[in-house]
């Protein structure tokens, strides 16, 4: 298991568009993935569950990956989140 904290940079947080991008990305990875935000643990492979976490700009989240490709998957997710998930 690998994990790392990152701060969400999207000006509107993880709303529908970035949640869709993150969910698509997570669904294509083989690791078991969890995101922890404010004590809430969510599966980012589900758009609705991810949006239910209410992740806003400036929120520090923890991304956890577990599986054979966990290190590569964590890197991919962190880069996407740091890049704004397709938003500026």
PDB file of N, CA and C in Angstrom:
ATOM      1  N   UNK A   1       0.849  -1.185   0.000  1.00  0.00           N
ATOM      2  CA  UNK A   1       0.000   0.000   0.000  1.00  0.00           C
ATOM      3  C   UNK A   1       0.887   1.238   0.000  1.00  0.00           C
ATOM      4  N   UNK A   2       0.539   2.183  -0.855  1.00  0.00           N
ATOM      5  CA  UNK A   2       1.224   3.474  -0.881  1.00  0.00           C
ATOM      6  C   UNK A   2       0.170   4.561  -0.752  1.00  0.00           C
ATOM      7  N   UNK A   3       0.568   5.682  -0.147  1.00  0.00           N
ATOM      8  CA  UNK A   3      -0.374   6.785   0.016  1.00  0.00           C
ATOM      9  C   UNK A   3       0.381   8.092   0.062  1.00  0.00           C
ATOM     10  N   UNK A   4      -0.325   9.141  -0.319  1.00  0.00           N
ATOM     11  CA  UNK A   4       0.263  10.471  -0.276  1.00  0.00           C
ATOM     12  C   UNK A   4      -0.853  11.506  -0.198  1.00  0.00           C
ATOM     13  N   UNK A   5      -0.542  12.610   0.467  1.00  0.00           N
ATOM     14  CA  UNK A   5      -1.501  13.712   0.573  1.00  0.00           C
ATOM     15  C   UNK A   5      -1.220  14.723  -0.522  1.00  0.00           C
ATOM     16  N   UNK A   6      -2.302  15.355  -0.993  1.00  0.00           N
ATOM     17  CA  UNK A   6      -2.196  16.386  -2.025  1.00  0.00           C
ATOM     18  C   UNK A   6      -3.331  17.380  -1.807  1.00  0.00           C
ATOM     19  N   UNK A   7      -3.096  18.623  -2.177  1.00  0.00           N
ATOM     20  CA  UNK A   7      -4.117  19.660  -2.050  1.00  0.00           C
ATOM     21  C   UNK A   7      -4.802  19.866  -3.399  1.00  0.00           C
ATOM     22  N   UNK A   8      -6.126  19.900  -3.375  1.00  0.00           N
ATOM     23  CA  UNK A   8      -6.926  20.095  -4.592  1.00  0.00           C
ATOM     24  C   UNK A   8      -6.777  21.538  -5.061  1.00  0.00           C
ATOM     25  N   UNK A   9      -6.439  21.719  -6.341  1.00  0.00           N
ATOM     26  CA  UNK A   9      -6.185  23.058  -6.874  1.00  0.00           C
ATOM     27  C   UNK A   9      -7.315  23.608  -7.731  1.00  0.00           C
ATOM     28  N   UNK A  10      -8.266  22.778  -8.118  1.00  0.00           N
ATOM     29  CA  UNK A  10      -9.377  23.252  -8.958  1.00  0.00           C
ATOM     30  C   UNK A  10     -10.139  24.361  -8.247  1.00  0.00           C
ATOM     31  N   UNK A  11     -10.421  25.449  -8.963  1.00  0.00           N
ATOM     32  CA  UNK A  11     -11.082  26.576  -8.302  1.00  0.00           C
ATOM     33  C   UNK A  11     -12.477  26.240  -7.790  1.00  0.00           C
ATOM     34  N   UNK A  12     -13.133  25.262  -8.392  1.00  0.00           N
ATOM     35  CA  UNK A  12     -14.451  24.845  -7.915  1.00  0.00           C
ATOM     36  C   UNK A  12     -14.410  23.501  -7.208  1.00  0.00           C
ATOM     37  N   UNK A  13     -13.220  23.018  -6.902  1.00  0.00           N
ATOM     38  CA  UNK A  13     -13.091  21.724  -6.237  1.00  0.00           C
ATOM     39  C   UNK A  13     -13.384  20.579  -7.190  1.00  0.00           C
ATOM     40  N   UNK A  14     -13.730  19.446  -6.624  1.00  0.00           N
ATOM     41  CA  UNK A  14     -14.022  18.278  -7.468  1.00  0.00           C
ATOM     42  C   UNK A  14     -15.529  18.185  -7.652  1.00  0.00           C
ATOM     43  N   UNK A  15     -16.007  18.953  -8.629  1.00  0.00           N
ATOM     44  CA  UNK A  15     -17.423  18.927  -9.010  1.00  0.00           C
ATOM     45  C   UNK A  15     -17.576  17.967 -10.186  1.00  0.00           C
ATOM     46  N   UNK A  16     -18.642  18.040 -10.940  1.00  0.00           N
ATOM     47  CA  UNK A  16     -18.969  17.040 -11.963  1.00  0.00           C
ATOM     48  C   UNK A  16     -17.858  16.786 -12.980  1.00  0.00           C
ATOM     49  N   UNK A  17     -17.335  17.815 -13.612  1.00  0.00           N
ATOM     50  CA  UNK A  17     -16.321  17.592 -14.664  1.00  0.00           C
ATOM     51  C   UNK A  17     -15.043  16.952 -14.127  1.00  0.00           C
ATOM     52  N   UNK A  18     -14.398  17.538 -13.111  1.00  0.00           N
ATOM     53  CA  UNK A  18     -13.182  16.893 -12.619  1.00  0.00           C
ATOM     54  C   UNK A  18     -13.451  15.535 -11.962  1.00  0.00           C
ATOM     55  N   UNK A  19     -14.620  15.369 -11.353  1.00  0.00           N
ATOM     56  CA  UNK A  19     -14.967  14.064 -10.766  1.00  0.00           C
ATOM     57  C   UNK A  19     -15.076  13.010 -11.865  1.00  0.00           C
ATOM     58  N   UNK A  20     -15.646  13.403 -13.002  1.00  0.00           N
ATOM     59  CA  UNK A  20     -15.748  12.485 -14.136  1.00  0.00           C
ATOM     60  C   UNK A  20     -14.361  12.098 -14.631  1.00  0.00           C
ATOM     61  N   UNK A  21     -13.476  13.083 -14.771  1.00  0.00           N
ATOM     62  CA  UNK A  21     -12.113  12.806 -15.231  1.00  0.00           C
ATOM     63  C   UNK A  21     -11.377  11.898 -14.251  1.00  0.00           C
ATOM     64  N   UNK A  22     -11.480  12.190 -12.975  1.00  0.00           N
ATOM     65  CA  UNK A  22     -10.790  11.393 -11.969  1.00  0.00           C
ATOM     66  C   UNK A  22     -11.353   9.976 -11.913  1.00  0.00           C
ATOM     67  N   UNK A  23     -12.657   9.841 -12.028  1.00  0.00           N
ATOM     68  CA  UNK A  23     -13.284   8.521 -12.003  1.00  0.00           C
ATOM     69  C   UNK A  23     -12.880   7.683 -13.199  1.00  0.00           C
ATOM     70  N   UNK A  24     -12.855   8.297 -14.383  1.00  0.00           N
ATOM     71  CA  UNK A  24     -12.419   7.577 -15.586  1.00  0.00           C
ATOM     72  C   UNK A  24     -10.980   7.105 -15.434  1.00  0.00           C
ATOM     73  N   UNK A  25     -10.139   7.986 -14.942  1.00  0.00           N
ATOM     74  CA  UNK A  25      -8.730   7.658 -14.751  1.00  0.00           C
ATOM     75  C   UNK A  25      -8.576   6.521 -13.737  1.00  0.00           C
ATOM     76  N   UNK A  26      -9.246   6.638 -12.604  1.00  0.00           N
ATOM     77  CA  UNK A  26      -9.150   5.624 -11.553  1.00  0.00           C
ATOM     78  C   UNK A  26      -9.690   4.273 -12.027  1.00  0.00           C
ATOM     79  N   UNK A  27     -10.766   4.304 -12.797  1.00  0.00           N
ATOM     80  CA  UNK A  27     -11.364   3.060 -13.290  1.00  0.00           C
ATOM     81  C   UNK A  27     -10.425   2.309 -14.227  1.00  0.00           C
ATOM     82  N   UNK A  28      -9.536   3.028 -14.902  1.00  0.00           N
ATOM     83  CA  UNK A  28      -8.594   2.402 -15.805  1.00  0.00           C
ATOM     84  C   UNK A  28      -7.350   1.854 -15.125  1.00  0.00           C
ATOM     85  N   UNK A  29      -7.232   2.062 -13.840  1.00  0.00           N
ATOM     86  CA  UNK A  29      -6.070   1.581 -13.093  1.00  0.00           C
ATOM     87  C   UNK A  29      -6.429   0.298 -12.353  1.00  0.00           C
ATOM     88  N   UNK A  30      -5.426  -0.551 -12.141  1.00  0.00           N
ATOM     89  CA  UNK A  30      -5.720  -1.858 -11.546  1.00  0.00           C
ATOM     90  C   UNK A  30      -5.681  -1.871 -10.017  1.00  0.00           C
ATOM     91  N   UNK A  31      -5.128  -0.850  -9.407  1.00  0.00           N
ATOM     92  CA  UNK A  31      -5.046  -0.805  -7.937  1.00  0.00           C
ATOM     93  C   UNK A  31      -6.418  -0.604  -7.304  1.00  0.00           C
ATOM     94  N   UNK A  32      -6.532  -1.042  -6.049  1.00  0.00           N
ATOM     95  CA  UNK A  32      -7.666  -0.636  -5.221  1.00  0.00           C
ATOM     96  C   UNK A  32      -7.325   0.775  -4.762  1.00  0.00           C
ATOM     97  N   UNK A  33      -8.223   1.724  -5.010  1.00  0.00           N
ATOM     98  CA  UNK A  33      -7.930   3.131  -4.749  1.00  0.00           C
ATOM     99  C   UNK A  33      -8.954   3.696  -3.780  1.00  0.00           C
ATOM    100  N   UNK A  34      -8.461   4.488  -2.836  1.00  0.00           N
ATOM    101  CA  UNK A  34      -9.330   5.191  -1.893  1.00  0.00           C
ATOM    102  C   UNK A  34      -8.848   6.628  -1.798  1.00  0.00           C
ATOM    103  N   UNK A  35      -9.787   7.519  -1.590  1.00  0.00           N
ATOM    104  CA  UNK A  35      -9.459   8.909  -1.307  1.00  0.00           C
ATOM    105  C   UNK A  35     -10.088   9.241   0.040  1.00  0.00           C
ATOM    106  N   UNK A  36      -9.283   9.833   0.906  1.00  0.00           N
ATOM    107  CA  UNK A  36      -9.783  10.241   2.219  1.00  0.00           C
ATOM    108  C   UNK A  36      -9.803  11.761   2.274  1.00  0.00           C
ATOM    109  N   UNK A  37     -10.962  12.293   2.609  1.00  0.00           N
ATOM    110  CA  UNK A  37     -11.151  13.740   2.714  1.00  0.00           C
ATOM    111  C   UNK A  37     -12.028  14.026   3.925  1.00  0.00           C
ATOM    112  N   UNK A  38     -11.493  14.799   4.858  1.00  0.00           N
ATOM    113  CA  UNK A  38     -12.271  15.168   6.043  1.00  0.00           C
ATOM    114  C   UNK A  38     -12.797  13.978   6.815  1.00  0.00           C
ATOM    115  N   UNK A  39     -12.024  12.912   6.888  1.00  0.00           N
ATOM    116  CA  UNK A  39     -12.450  11.729   7.614  1.00  0.00           C
ATOM    117  C   UNK A  39     -13.361  10.811   6.826  1.00  0.00           C
ATOM    118  N   UNK A  40     -13.745  11.213   5.623  1.00  0.00           N
ATOM    119  CA  UNK A  40     -14.612  10.401   4.779  1.00  0.00           C
ATOM    120  C   UNK A  40     -13.753   9.637   3.776  1.00  0.00           C
ATOM    121  N   UNK A  41     -13.964   8.348   3.666  1.00  0.00           N
ATOM    122  CA  UNK A  41     -13.218   7.510   2.726  1.00  0.00           C
ATOM    123  C   UNK A  41     -14.121   7.178   1.543  1.00  0.00           C
ATOM    124  N   UNK A  42     -13.654   7.502   0.322  1.00  0.00           N
ATOM    125  CA  UNK A  42     -14.476   7.266  -0.866  1.00  0.00           C
ATOM    126  C   UNK A  42     -13.696   6.494  -1.920  1.00  0.00           C
ATOM    127  N   UNK A  43     -14.443   5.816  -2.759  1.00  0.00           N
ATOM    128  CA  UNK A  43     -13.886   5.105  -3.905  1.00  0.00           C
ATOM    129  C   UNK A  43     -13.993   6.038  -5.112  1.00  0.00           C
ATOM    130  N   UNK A  44     -12.860   6.512  -5.654  1.00  0.00           N
ATOM    131  CA  UNK A  44     -12.930   7.462  -6.758  1.00  0.00           C
ATOM    132  C   UNK A  44     -13.355   6.854  -8.092  1.00  0.00           C
ATOM    133  N   UNK A  45     -13.551   5.545  -8.135  1.00  0.00           N
ATOM    134  CA  UNK A  45     -14.004   4.919  -9.375  1.00  0.00           C
ATOM    135  C   UNK A  45     -15.497   5.168  -9.599  1.00  0.00           C
ATOM    136  N   UNK A  46     -16.179   5.717  -8.589  1.00  0.00           N
ATOM    137  CA  UNK A  46     -17.600   6.074  -8.698  1.00  0.00           C
ATOM    138  C   UNK A  46     -17.734   7.597  -8.654  1.00  0.00           C
ATOM    139  N   UNK A  47     -18.266   8.165  -9.718  1.00  0.00           N
ATOM    140  CA  UNK A  47     -18.430   9.624  -9.807  1.00  0.00           C
ATOM    141  C   UNK A  47     -19.301  10.144  -8.669  1.00  0.00           C
ATOM    142  N   UNK A  48     -20.432   9.495  -8.439  1.00  0.00           N
ATOM    143  CA  UNK A  48     -21.371   9.987  -7.428  1.00  0.00           C
ATOM    144  C   UNK A  48     -20.794   9.899  -6.021  1.00  0.00           C
ATOM    145  N   UNK A  49     -20.111   8.802  -5.733  1.00  0.00           N
ATOM    146  CA  UNK A  49     -19.501   8.667  -4.404  1.00  0.00           C
ATOM    147  C   UNK A  49     -18.404   9.709  -4.236  1.00  0.00           C
ATOM    148  N   UNK A  50     -17.610   9.925  -5.285  1.00  0.00           N
ATOM    149  CA  UNK A  50     -16.539  10.917  -5.236  1.00  0.00           C
ATOM    150  C   UNK A  50     -17.114  12.315  -4.993  1.00  0.00           C
ATOM    151  N   UNK A  51     -18.185  12.658  -5.703  1.00  0.00           N
ATOM    152  CA  UNK A  51     -18.796  13.977  -5.528  1.00  0.00           C
ATOM    153  C   UNK A  51     -19.430  14.137  -4.143  1.00  0.00           C
ATOM    154  N   UNK A  52     -19.868  13.026  -3.551  1.00  0.00           N
ATOM    155  CA  UNK A  52     -20.502  13.095  -2.227  1.00  0.00           C
ATOM    156  C   UNK A  52     -19.523  13.527  -1.140  1.00  0.00           C
ATOM    157  N   UNK A  53     -18.222  13.444  -1.419  1.00  0.00           N
ATOM    158  CA  UNK A  53     -17.223  13.845  -0.431  1.00  0.00           C
ATOM    159  C   UNK A  53     -17.142  15.356  -0.282  1.00  0.00           C
ATOM    160  N   UNK A  54     -17.691  16.110  -1.235  1.00  0.00           N
ATOM    161  CA  UNK A  54     -17.709  17.571  -1.135  1.00  0.00           C
ATOM    162  C   UNK A  54     -16.320  18.187  -1.092  1.00  0.00           C
ATOM    163  N   UNK A  55     -15.437  17.729  -1.964  1.00  0.00           N
ATOM    164  CA  UNK A  55     -14.051  18.192  -1.955  1.00  0.00           C
ATOM    165  C   UNK A  55     -13.958  19.546  -2.654  1.00  0.00           C
ATOM    166  N   UNK A  56     -13.543  20.569  -1.921  1.00  0.00           N
ATOM    167  CA  UNK A  56     -13.451  21.924  -2.448  1.00  0.00           C
ATOM    168  C   UNK A  56     -11.994  22.324  -2.678  1.00  0.00           C
ATOM    169  N   UNK A  57     -11.812  23.451  -3.333  1.00  0.00           N
ATOM    170  CA  UNK A  57     -10.463  23.970  -3.573  1.00  0.00           C
ATOM    171  C   UNK A  57      -9.743  24.165  -2.238  1.00  0.00           C
ATOM    172  N   UNK A  58      -8.478  23.759  -2.231  1.00  0.00           N
ATOM    173  CA  UNK A  58      -7.668  23.919  -1.037  1.00  0.00           C
ATOM    174  C   UNK A  58      -7.785  22.770  -0.041  1.00  0.00           C
ATOM    175  N   UNK A  59      -8.677  21.818  -0.316  1.00  0.00           N
ATOM    176  CA  UNK A  59      -8.835  20.665   0.566  1.00  0.00           C
ATOM    177  C   UNK A  59      -7.651  19.726   0.394  1.00  0.00           C
ATOM    178  N   UNK A  60      -7.087  19.298   1.510  1.00  0.00           N
ATOM    179  CA  UNK A  60      -6.022  18.294   1.445  1.00  0.00           C
ATOM    180  C   UNK A  60      -6.675  16.923   1.506  1.00  0.00           C
ATOM    181  N   UNK A  61      -6.379  16.116   0.493  1.00  0.00           N
ATOM    182  CA  UNK A  61      -6.917  14.765   0.439  1.00  0.00           C
ATOM    183  C   UNK A  61      -5.759  13.777   0.494  1.00  0.00           C
ATOM    184  N   UNK A  62      -6.064  12.562   0.899  1.00  0.00           N
ATOM    185  CA  UNK A  62      -5.063  11.504   0.898  1.00  0.00           C
ATOM    186  C   UNK A  62      -5.486  10.466  -0.129  1.00  0.00           C
ATOM    187  N   UNK A  63      -4.572  10.138  -1.035  1.00  0.00           N
ATOM    188  CA  UNK A  63      -4.831   9.144  -2.072  1.00  0.00           C
ATOM    189  C   UNK A  63      -4.088   7.874  -1.672  1.00  0.00           C
ATOM    190  N   UNK A  64      -4.812   6.762  -1.647  1.00  0.00           N
ATOM    191  CA  UNK A  64      -4.241   5.481  -1.248  1.00  0.00           C
ATOM    192  C   UNK A  64      -4.433   4.484  -2.390  1.00  0.00           C
ATOM    193  N   UNK A  65      -3.348   3.806  -2.758  1.00  0.00           N
ATOM    194  CA  UNK A  65      -3.408   2.773  -3.788  1.00  0.00           C
ATOM    195  C   UNK A  65      -2.835   1.482  -3.227  1.00  0.00           C
ATOM    196  N   UNK A  66      -3.484   0.380  -3.575  1.00  0.00           N
ATOM    197  CA  UNK A  66      -3.001  -0.918  -3.126  1.00  0.00           C
ATOM    198  C   UNK A  66      -3.167  -1.910  -4.261  1.00  0.00           C
ATOM    199  N   UNK A  67      -2.071  -2.575  -4.625  1.00  0.00           N
ATOM    200  CA  UNK A  67      -2.107  -3.566  -5.695  1.00  0.00           C
ATOM    201  C   UNK A  67      -0.753  -3.680  -6.368  1.00  0.00           C
ATOM    202  N   UNK A  68      -0.686  -4.492  -7.397  1.00  0.00           N
ATOM    203  CA  UNK A  68       0.582  -4.748  -8.073  1.00  0.00           C
ATOM    204  C   UNK A  68       1.202  -3.497  -8.692  1.00  0.00           C
ATOM    205  N   UNK A  69       0.379  -2.588  -9.172  1.00  0.00           N
ATOM    206  CA  UNK A  69       0.882  -1.378  -9.833  1.00  0.00           C
ATOM    207  C   UNK A  69       0.645  -0.131  -8.984  1.00  0.00           C
ATOM    208  N   UNK A  70       0.603  -0.307  -7.668  1.00  0.00           N
ATOM    209  CA  UNK A  70       0.219   0.780  -6.762  1.00  0.00           C
ATOM    210  C   UNK A  70       1.094   2.021  -6.888  1.00  0.00           C
ATOM    211  N   UNK A  71       2.387   1.867  -7.027  1.00  0.00           N
ATOM    212  CA  UNK A  71       3.267   3.042  -7.109  1.00  0.00           C
ATOM    213  C   UNK A  71       3.026   3.838  -8.390  1.00  0.00           C
ATOM    214  N   UNK A  72       2.902   3.144  -9.509  1.00  0.00           N
ATOM    215  CA  UNK A  72       2.637   3.822 -10.780  1.00  0.00           C
ATOM    216  C   UNK A  72       1.253   4.474 -10.763  1.00  0.00           C
ATOM    217  N   UNK A  73       0.281   3.758 -10.216  1.00  0.00           N
ATOM    218  CA  UNK A  73      -1.084   4.288 -10.173  1.00  0.00           C
ATOM    219  C   UNK A  73      -1.166   5.531  -9.295  1.00  0.00           C
ATOM    220  N   UNK A  74      -0.491   5.506  -8.151  1.00  0.00           N
ATOM    221  CA  UNK A  74      -0.490   6.674  -7.268  1.00  0.00           C
ATOM    222  C   UNK A  74       0.120   7.877  -7.991  1.00  0.00           C
ATOM    223  N   UNK A  75       1.209   7.662  -8.684  1.00  0.00           N
ATOM    224  CA  UNK A  75       1.861   8.750  -9.420  1.00  0.00           C
ATOM    225  C   UNK A  75       0.924   9.333 -10.473  1.00  0.00           C
ATOM    226  N   UNK A  76       0.237   8.486 -11.206  1.00  0.00           N
ATOM    227  CA  UNK A  76      -0.693   8.931 -12.245  1.00  0.00           C
ATOM    228  C   UNK A  76      -1.804   9.789 -11.632  1.00  0.00           C
ATOM    229  N   UNK A  77      -2.386   9.324 -10.541  1.00  0.00           N
ATOM    230  CA  UNK A  77      -3.479  10.055  -9.898  1.00  0.00           C
ATOM    231  C   UNK A  77      -3.011  11.392  -9.332  1.00  0.00           C
ATOM    232  N   UNK A  78      -1.856  11.386  -8.675  1.00  0.00           N
ATOM    233  CA  UNK A  78      -1.343  12.633  -8.096  1.00  0.00           C
ATOM    234  C   UNK A  78      -1.033  13.661  -9.179  1.00  0.00           C
ATOM    235  N   UNK A  79      -0.457  13.229 -10.294  1.00  0.00           N
ATOM    236  CA  UNK A  79      -0.180  14.151 -11.400  1.00  0.00           C
ATOM    237  C   UNK A  79      -1.460  14.742 -11.964  1.00  0.00           C
ATOM    238  N   UNK A  80      -2.485  13.916 -12.101  1.00  0.00           N
ATOM    239  CA  UNK A  80      -3.757  14.404 -12.633  1.00  0.00           C
ATOM    240  C   UNK A  80      -4.415  15.406 -11.688  1.00  0.00           C
ATOM    241  N   UNK A  81      -4.394  15.124 -10.399  1.00  0.00           N
ATOM    242  CA  UNK A  81      -4.995  16.031  -9.411  1.00  0.00           C
ATOM    243  C   UNK A  81      -4.207  17.335  -9.360  1.00  0.00           C
ATOM    244  N   UNK A  82      -2.876  17.237  -9.358  1.00  0.00           N
ATOM    245  CA  UNK A  82      -2.026  18.443  -9.335  1.00  0.00           C
ATOM    246  C   UNK A  82      -2.225  19.279 -10.588  1.00  0.00           C
ATOM    247  N   UNK A  83      -2.556  18.628 -11.693  1.00  0.00           N
ATOM    248  CA  UNK A  83      -2.780  19.319 -12.964  1.00  0.00           C
ATOM    249  C   UNK A  83      -4.168  19.906 -13.113  1.00  0.00           C
ATOM    250  N   UNK A  84      -5.027  19.716 -12.123  1.00  0.00           N
ATOM    251  CA  UNK A  84      -6.366  20.311 -12.157  1.00  0.00           C
ATOM    252  C   UNK A  84      -7.432  19.455 -12.815  1.00  0.00           C
ATOM    253  N   UNK A  85      -7.106  18.214 -13.155  1.00  0.00           N
ATOM    254  CA  UNK A  85      -8.080  17.291 -13.761  1.00  0.00           C
ATOM    255  C   UNK A  85      -8.769  17.892 -14.978  1.00  0.00           C
ATOM    256  N   UNK A  86      -7.978  18.511 -15.837  1.00  0.00           N
ATOM    257  CA  UNK A  86      -8.521  19.051 -17.080  1.00  0.00           C
ATOM    258  C   UNK A  86      -9.077  20.456 -16.977  1.00  0.00           C
ATOM    259  N   UNK A  87      -9.001  21.060 -15.794  1.00  0.00           N
ATOM    260  CA  UNK A  87      -9.471  22.431 -15.616  1.00  0.00           C
ATOM    261  C   UNK A  87      -8.300  23.335 -15.261  1.00  0.00           C
ATOM    262  N   UNK A  88      -8.507  24.608 -15.418  1.00  0.00           N
ATOM    263  CA  UNK A  88      -7.447  25.564 -15.066  1.00  0.00           C
ATOM    264  C   UNK A  88      -7.627  26.087 -13.676  1.00  0.00           C
TER     265      UNK A  88
END
